[in-house]
């Protein structure tokens, strides 16, 4: 029976926790691999296995215990996953897809080869090569530098506008793009199963915290024209078909001031831009990911109501055991759904949870979300 399938998840952070909580509705056995039993997902797993998802032996041994293997983070040992796949294990996304996506340089080349719209780019070996290109006049200001690997949660991105900002250059292999004239940053979460069925969630728009480069506000539905929303959804569908991924793919997009849609980057797993779906859509992104990797019918992605999501970040200037100020005030507000990830220690801008605020209209949800933001703080 499909609901007796042992699903192994590499990673025990908040995404693993929310996957496990969703699986609980079906009493689906969830196995999780990560380094410590106090990680967010550990208490909600059917079986928690201590180990390092970057280490071949740990991933290989863990994979032998599961029927279907998936991830909540891209930066896992793909050599072990390749061996497990050879031995008949189902791995979604596949090791080849993970290797392609976790290297931003390979991602950009993939879009160029497949005719998928993205900003122009150049690849550089390291920051010294970038400086040489600037000195020769081949690379004009301003530009964006992205580390090819290991970037996440706002890390691994630098905006360089003048020579005085050389100190911000990131070390190692990188992608350089011109600074795009952005009107809005959008995201579409799309799912695909082994049958080739595809389903997309409504387009969301994202406003970023300028200090942490993390999502501060997420609005659903995105305040854009219906024609732009339809184009964004179709682009997300084309992208997941091009990759051939089974599971979720979060497709982050730039909408330029001239009305062009460009792929920024993708993530082959549940994503911060889909957390609101737990309360605001008929199927959450977490249930949809499980449906897709198990080749079940995909659920309805229709919205029940408008939603605004805000990330609950550690306050600047605080580090230590987490303290949640204003929690009771927010719990008393209708339509306010608080998700605390269970990380014991906070530090500046660390993701400690999220809040999804529902409303009859986007304006109503936004008004309540501002009230939440004014009182709910994570300190130490």
Protein backbone atom coordinates (compact mmCIF):
# COMPACT_ATOMS: atom_id res chain seq x y z
CA UNK A 1 0.00 0.00 0.00
CA UNK A 2 1.39 3.43 -0.99
CA UNK A 3 0.70 4.93 2.45
CA UNK A 4 3.00 2.37 4.03
CA UNK A 5 5.88 3.64 1.88
CA UNK A 6 8.84 4.75 4.01
CA UNK A 7 9.74 8.28 2.89
CA UNK A 8 13.31 9.27 3.76
CA UNK A 9 14.03 13.01 4.00
CA UNK A 10 17.58 14.36 3.95
CA UNK A 11 17.50 17.30 6.35
CA UNK A 12 15.76 17.90 9.66
CA UNK A 13 15.14 21.65 9.61
CA UNK A 14 11.81 23.45 9.51
CA UNK A 15 10.97 22.17 6.02
CA UNK A 16 11.47 18.58 7.21
CA UNK A 17 9.29 19.33 10.22
CA UNK A 18 6.43 20.65 8.08
CA UNK A 19 6.74 17.70 5.68
CA UNK A 20 6.51 15.32 8.64
CA UNK A 21 3.49 17.16 10.07
CA UNK A 22 1.74 16.94 6.70
CA UNK A 23 2.57 13.22 6.41
CA UNK A 24 0.97 12.68 9.81
CA UNK A 25 -2.47 13.27 8.30
CA UNK A 26 -2.04 10.00 6.38
CA UNK A 27 0.00 8.25 9.08
CA UNK A 28 2.74 8.03 6.45
CA UNK A 29 6.07 6.79 7.89
CA UNK A 30 8.70 9.53 7.67
CA UNK A 31 12.41 8.90 8.25
CA UNK A 32 14.68 11.92 8.71
CA UNK A 33 18.48 12.18 8.59
CA UNK A 34 20.29 15.06 10.29
CA UNK A 35 23.02 15.77 12.80
CA UNK A 36 21.13 16.27 16.06
CA UNK A 37 17.94 15.12 17.73
CA UNK A 38 17.06 18.66 18.84
CA UNK A 39 16.63 19.83 15.23
CA UNK A 40 13.08 21.04 14.34
CA UNK A 41 11.94 17.90 12.47
CA UNK A 42 13.25 15.27 14.87
CA UNK A 43 10.25 15.08 17.27
CA UNK A 44 7.82 14.71 14.34
CA UNK A 45 9.63 11.95 12.43
CA UNK A 46 8.49 8.35 12.66
CA UNK A 47 12.21 7.53 12.81
CA UNK A 48 15.03 10.03 13.30
CA UNK A 49 18.51 8.92 12.19
CA UNK A 50 21.55 10.85 13.39
CA UNK A 51 24.03 11.55 10.60
CA UNK A 52 25.42 14.07 8.12
CA UNK A 53 23.54 14.42 4.82
CA UNK A 54 26.79 15.66 3.23
CA UNK A 55 28.63 12.43 4.07
CA UNK A 56 28.52 9.49 1.61
CA UNK A 57 28.35 6.72 4.20
CA UNK A 58 25.57 8.37 6.21
CA UNK A 59 23.39 9.07 3.17
CA UNK A 60 23.94 5.62 1.67
CA UNK A 61 23.13 3.82 4.92
CA UNK A 62 20.07 6.00 5.50
CA UNK A 63 18.82 5.50 1.94
CA UNK A 64 18.82 1.74 2.37
CA UNK A 65 16.22 2.14 5.12
CA UNK A 66 13.77 4.12 2.94
CA UNK A 67 11.60 3.29 -0.08
CA UNK A 68 11.48 6.84 -1.51
CA UNK A 69 14.18 9.43 -0.79
CA UNK A 70 13.72 13.19 -1.03
CA UNK A 71 15.35 16.35 0.34
CA UNK A 72 14.58 19.50 2.25
CA UNK A 73 17.94 21.03 1.26
CA UNK A 74 19.91 20.76 -1.98
CA UNK A 75 23.40 20.50 -0.49
CA UNK A 76 23.45 16.75 0.10
CA UNK A 77 25.83 13.97 -0.97
CA UNK A 78 24.70 13.15 -4.50
CA UNK A 79 27.29 10.40 -5.02
CA UNK A 80 25.51 8.29 -2.43
CA UNK A 81 22.15 9.10 -4.02
CA UNK A 82 23.47 8.00 -7.42
CA UNK A 83 24.49 4.64 -5.96
CA UNK A 84 21.11 4.22 -4.26
CA UNK A 85 19.36 5.06 -7.52
CA UNK A 86 21.46 2.40 -9.32
CA UNK A 87 20.32 -0.11 -6.70
CA UNK A 88 16.67 0.60 -7.46
CA UNK A 89 15.78 3.21 -4.86
CA UNK A 90 13.40 5.99 -5.90
CA UNK A 91 15.11 9.38 -5.47
CA UNK A 92 13.21 12.64 -6.10
CA UNK A 93 14.64 14.97 -7.21
CA UNK A 94 17.27 12.83 -8.90
CA UNK A 95 20.98 13.27 -8.07
CA UNK A 96 21.62 14.66 -11.55
CA UNK A 97 18.91 17.30 -11.07
CA UNK A 98 20.27 18.22 -7.64
CA UNK A 99 23.82 18.60 -8.99
CA UNK A 100 22.55 20.89 -11.74
CA UNK A 101 20.42 23.07 -9.49
CA UNK A 102 22.81 23.49 -6.57
CA UNK A 103 25.38 25.06 -8.93
CA UNK A 104 24.04 28.47 -10.00
CA UNK A 105 26.43 28.53 -12.93
CA UNK A 106 25.05 25.27 -14.30
CA UNK A 107 21.52 26.58 -13.66
CA UNK A 108 22.17 29.66 -15.79
CA UNK A 109 23.69 27.57 -18.60
CA UNK A 110 20.65 25.28 -18.46
CA UNK A 111 18.24 28.19 -18.97
CA UNK A 112 20.28 29.52 -21.88
CA UNK A 113 20.37 26.10 -23.56
CA UNK A 114 16.64 25.51 -23.06
CA UNK A 115 15.49 28.96 -24.17
CA UNK A 116 14.14 29.84 -20.72
CA UNK A 117 14.33 33.59 -20.03
CA UNK A 118 16.93 34.69 -17.49
CA UNK A 119 19.27 37.65 -17.02
CA UNK A 120 22.52 37.68 -19.06
CA UNK A 121 25.49 36.23 -17.18
CA UNK A 122 29.20 35.49 -17.13
CA UNK A 123 31.03 32.83 -15.11
CA UNK A 124 34.23 33.68 -13.21
CA UNK A 125 36.75 31.43 -11.46
CA UNK A 126 37.04 33.65 -8.38
CA UNK A 127 36.95 37.23 -7.08
CA UNK A 128 40.38 37.96 -8.55
CA UNK A 129 39.06 37.17 -12.02
CA UNK A 130 36.13 39.51 -11.34
CA UNK A 131 38.53 42.32 -10.34
CA UNK A 132 40.60 41.74 -13.49
CA UNK A 133 37.46 42.02 -15.64
CA UNK A 134 36.56 45.30 -13.94
CA UNK A 135 40.09 46.67 -14.42
CA UNK A 136 40.05 45.77 -18.13
CA UNK A 137 36.68 47.45 -18.65
CA UNK A 138 34.97 44.17 -19.56
CA UNK A 139 32.69 44.29 -16.50
CA UNK A 140 30.80 47.53 -15.88
CA UNK A 141 29.07 48.61 -12.66
CA UNK A 142 26.60 47.89 -11.17
CA UNK A 143 26.47 44.10 -11.11
CA UNK A 144 25.33 41.21 -8.93
CA UNK A 145 27.75 38.48 -7.86
CA UNK A 146 26.38 35.08 -6.82
CA UNK A 147 28.44 32.24 -5.41
CA UNK A 148 28.00 29.20 -7.62
CA UNK A 149 27.44 26.85 -4.69
CA UNK A 150 26.34 26.83 -1.04
CA UNK A 151 24.28 30.03 -1.14
CA UNK A 152 20.93 30.08 0.70
CA UNK A 153 18.76 32.33 2.90
CA UNK A 154 20.25 35.50 1.44
CA UNK A 155 23.86 34.30 1.67
CA UNK A 156 26.13 34.06 -1.33
CA UNK A 157 24.85 37.24 -3.07
CA UNK A 158 26.61 40.60 -3.31
CA UNK A 159 25.57 43.76 -5.16
CA UNK A 160 28.62 45.75 -6.32
CA UNK A 161 27.95 49.33 -7.45
CA UNK A 162 31.43 50.92 -7.30
CA UNK A 163 35.12 50.20 -6.71
CA UNK A 164 34.68 51.21 -3.07
CA UNK A 165 32.61 48.04 -2.59
CA UNK A 166 35.38 45.61 -3.63
CA UNK A 167 35.45 44.40 -0.04
CA UNK A 168 31.99 42.89 -0.55
CA UNK A 169 33.18 40.56 -3.33
CA UNK A 170 32.60 36.90 -2.47
CA UNK A 171 35.45 34.37 -2.74
CA UNK A 172 35.43 31.42 -5.12
CA UNK A 173 33.66 30.52 -8.39
CA UNK A 174 30.74 32.82 -9.14
CA UNK A 175 28.09 34.05 -11.55
CA UNK A 176 28.00 37.72 -12.51
CA UNK A 177 24.79 39.33 -13.77
CA UNK A 178 23.90 42.94 -14.59
CA UNK A 179 21.69 44.59 -11.97
CA UNK A 180 18.17 43.95 -13.28
CA UNK A 181 15.68 46.84 -13.16
CA UNK A 182 13.17 44.97 -10.98
CA UNK A 183 9.56 45.98 -10.50
CA UNK A 184 8.57 42.95 -8.40
CA UNK A 185 10.08 39.67 -7.22
CA UNK A 186 7.66 36.80 -7.76
CA UNK A 187 7.57 33.09 -7.02
CA UNK A 188 5.57 30.19 -8.40
CA UNK A 189 5.62 26.80 -6.68
CA UNK A 190 4.89 24.06 -9.17
CA UNK A 191 4.63 20.30 -8.71
CA UNK A 192 5.07 17.33 -11.04
CA UNK A 193 4.59 13.59 -10.44
CA UNK A 194 6.01 10.59 -12.32
CA UNK A 195 2.91 10.48 -14.53
CA UNK A 196 3.88 13.93 -15.82
CA UNK A 197 0.92 15.71 -14.21
CA UNK A 198 1.75 19.32 -13.32
CA UNK A 199 0.00 21.72 -10.97
CA UNK A 200 0.97 25.27 -10.01
CA UNK A 201 0.13 27.32 -6.92
CA UNK A 202 -1.00 30.94 -7.32
CA UNK A 203 1.77 33.44 -7.98
CA UNK A 204 3.09 35.29 -4.92
CA UNK A 205 5.07 38.50 -4.64
CA UNK A 206 7.92 38.97 -2.17
CA UNK A 207 9.44 42.01 -0.48
CA UNK A 208 12.93 41.47 0.94
CA UNK A 209 14.58 42.76 4.09
CA UNK A 210 17.44 44.95 2.78
CA UNK A 211 19.80 43.98 5.61
CA UNK A 212 19.30 40.20 5.67
CA UNK A 213 18.25 39.72 1.99
CA UNK A 214 15.44 37.49 3.32
CA UNK A 215 11.73 37.63 2.52
CA UNK A 216 10.04 40.14 4.83
CA UNK A 217 6.54 40.10 3.32
CA UNK A 218 4.92 37.55 1.03
CA UNK A 219 1.60 38.47 -0.62
CA UNK A 220 -0.84 36.00 -2.16
CA UNK A 221 -2.32 36.63 -4.63
CA UNK A 222 0.48 38.75 -6.05
CA UNK A 223 -0.71 42.29 -6.88
CA UNK A 224 -0.06 41.90 -10.61
CA UNK A 225 -2.18 41.79 -13.76
CA UNK A 226 -3.94 38.50 -14.53
CA UNK A 227 -2.01 38.28 -17.80
CA UNK A 228 1.32 38.51 -15.94
CA UNK A 229 0.19 35.87 -13.43
CA UNK A 230 -0.79 33.52 -16.27
CA UNK A 231 2.58 34.09 -17.99
CA UNK A 232 4.47 33.42 -14.74
CA UNK A 233 2.57 30.17 -14.17
CA UNK A 234 3.27 28.99 -17.71
CA UNK A 235 6.97 29.80 -17.32
CA UNK A 236 7.08 27.77 -14.08
CA UNK A 237 5.41 24.84 -15.85
CA UNK A 238 7.92 25.02 -18.71
CA UNK A 239 10.76 25.09 -16.20
CA UNK A 240 9.73 22.00 -14.23
CA UNK A 241 9.09 20.14 -17.50
CA UNK A 242 12.55 21.10 -18.75
CA UNK A 243 14.16 19.77 -15.58
CA UNK A 244 11.91 16.69 -15.51
CA UNK A 245 11.64 16.93 -11.74
CA UNK A 246 9.19 14.88 -9.68
CA UNK A 247 8.27 16.82 -6.55
CA UNK A 248 8.13 20.54 -5.98
CA UNK A 249 10.05 23.23 -7.80
CA UNK A 250 10.00 26.80 -6.48
CA UNK A 251 10.61 29.12 -9.44
CA UNK A 252 11.73 32.58 -8.33
CA UNK A 253 11.17 35.27 -10.96
CA UNK A 254 12.01 38.91 -11.61
CA UNK A 255 9.28 41.06 -13.15
CA UNK A 256 11.18 43.94 -14.76
CA UNK A 257 9.87 47.47 -15.07
CA UNK A 258 9.52 46.85 -18.80
CA UNK A 259 7.18 43.90 -18.08
CA UNK A 260 9.62 41.06 -18.82
CA UNK A 261 9.67 37.90 -16.68
CA UNK A 262 13.11 36.42 -15.94
CA UNK A 263 13.99 33.30 -13.95
CA UNK A 264 16.20 34.23 -11.01
CA UNK A 265 16.78 30.77 -9.56
CA UNK A 266 14.93 27.61 -8.52
CA UNK A 267 14.76 25.27 -5.52
CA UNK A 268 13.72 21.60 -5.93
CA UNK A 269 11.87 21.24 -2.61
CA UNK A 270 9.34 23.02 -0.40
CA UNK A 271 10.22 26.68 -0.18
CA UNK A 272 9.80 29.71 2.04
CA UNK A 273 7.57 31.30 -0.60
CA UNK A 274 5.02 28.50 -0.17
CA UNK A 275 4.51 28.38 3.59
CA UNK A 276 1.23 30.31 3.39
CA UNK A 277 -0.35 27.40 1.50
CA UNK A 278 -0.77 25.47 4.78
CA UNK A 279 -3.70 27.71 5.70
CA UNK A 280 -4.62 29.55 2.51
CA UNK A 281 -4.86 26.80 -0.15
CA UNK A 282 -6.79 23.52 -0.41
CA UNK A 283 -3.50 21.62 -0.56
CA UNK A 284 -0.33 22.75 1.20
CA UNK A 285 3.02 22.75 -0.60
CA UNK A 286 4.18 20.06 1.85
CA UNK A 287 1.34 17.67 1.09
CA UNK A 288 1.79 18.40 -2.62
CA UNK A 289 5.47 17.45 -2.45
CA UNK A 290 4.59 14.13 -0.82
CA UNK A 291 1.86 13.50 -3.40
CA UNK A 292 4.34 14.19 -6.21
CA UNK A 293 7.25 12.05 -4.98
CA UNK A 294 4.84 9.16 -4.27
CA UNK A 295 3.23 9.56 -7.73
CA UNK A 296 -0.20 10.23 -6.22
CA UNK A 297 -2.82 12.53 -7.79
CA UNK A 298 -1.79 16.15 -7.26
CA UNK A 299 -4.07 18.15 -4.95
CA UNK A 300 -6.02 21.30 -5.73
CA UNK A 301 -3.86 24.41 -5.49
CA UNK A 302 -6.83 26.79 -5.40
CA UNK A 303 -6.74 29.57 -2.81
CA UNK A 304 -9.29 29.56 -0.01
CA UNK A 305 -8.51 33.13 0.97
CA UNK A 306 -5.98 35.93 0.56
CA UNK A 307 -2.86 35.64 2.69
CA UNK A 308 0.19 37.56 3.83
CA UNK A 309 3.18 35.71 5.27
CA UNK A 310 5.99 37.22 7.28
CA UNK A 311 9.14 35.44 8.38
CA UNK A 312 9.78 35.47 12.10
CA UNK A 313 13.46 36.44 12.23
CA UNK A 314 15.84 36.78 15.15
CA UNK A 315 16.08 40.43 16.16
CA UNK A 316 19.36 42.25 15.49
CA UNK A 317 21.48 42.53 18.63
CA UNK A 318 20.22 39.32 20.24
CA UNK A 319 21.88 35.90 20.41
CA UNK A 320 21.05 33.11 22.82
CA UNK A 321 18.05 31.06 24.04
CA UNK A 322 15.00 32.20 22.07
CA UNK A 323 12.33 34.36 23.68
CA UNK A 324 9.10 35.20 21.82
CA UNK A 325 7.72 38.62 22.73
CA UNK A 326 4.13 39.54 21.85
CA UNK A 327 3.07 35.93 21.27
CA UNK A 328 -0.13 36.06 23.33
CA UNK A 329 -1.25 39.31 21.69
CA UNK A 330 -0.94 37.75 18.23
CA UNK A 331 -2.59 34.47 19.25
CA UNK A 332 -5.68 36.49 20.20
CA UNK A 333 -6.03 37.86 16.64
CA UNK A 334 -8.40 36.14 14.21
CA UNK A 335 -6.77 34.73 11.09
CA UNK A 336 -3.24 34.88 12.51
CA UNK A 337 -1.43 31.51 12.25
CA UNK A 338 1.90 31.31 14.05
CA UNK A 339 4.46 28.62 13.21
CA UNK A 340 7.46 28.37 15.56
CA UNK A 341 10.18 26.11 14.21
CA UNK A 342 11.60 24.98 17.54
CA UNK A 343 15.16 26.25 17.15
CA UNK A 344 16.39 26.64 20.70
CA UNK A 345 18.79 29.54 20.04
CA UNK A 346 18.25 32.76 18.13
CA UNK A 347 20.72 35.07 16.41
CA UNK A 348 20.25 38.14 14.19
CA UNK A 349 18.05 37.40 11.16
CA UNK A 350 17.89 33.64 11.81
CA UNK A 351 14.61 32.11 10.59
CA UNK A 352 12.83 31.16 13.80
CA UNK A 353 9.33 30.75 12.41
CA UNK A 354 6.74 32.32 10.17
CA UNK A 355 3.28 33.83 10.50
CA UNK A 356 0.51 33.49 7.92
CA UNK A 357 -2.25 36.08 8.19
CA UNK A 358 -5.55 35.44 6.41
CA UNK A 359 -8.10 38.01 5.29
CA UNK A 360 -11.15 38.40 3.09
CA UNK A 361 -8.99 40.70 0.96
CA UNK A 362 -5.25 41.17 0.57
CA UNK A 363 -5.56 44.65 2.08
CA UNK A 364 -7.29 43.24 5.19
CA UNK A 365 -4.62 40.55 5.59
CA UNK A 366 -1.85 43.12 5.15
CA UNK A 367 -3.34 45.40 7.80
CA UNK A 368 -3.36 42.57 10.35
CA UNK A 369 0.13 41.47 9.29
CA UNK A 370 1.50 44.93 10.06
CA UNK A 371 -0.04 44.69 13.54
CA UNK A 372 1.68 41.34 14.04
CA UNK A 373 5.04 42.67 12.87
CA UNK A 374 4.79 45.58 15.28
CA UNK A 375 4.54 43.35 18.37
CA UNK A 376 5.95 39.89 17.64
CA UNK A 377 9.73 39.74 18.16
CA UNK A 378 12.33 37.03 18.78
CA UNK A 379 14.85 38.12 21.37
CA UNK A 380 17.12 36.32 23.83
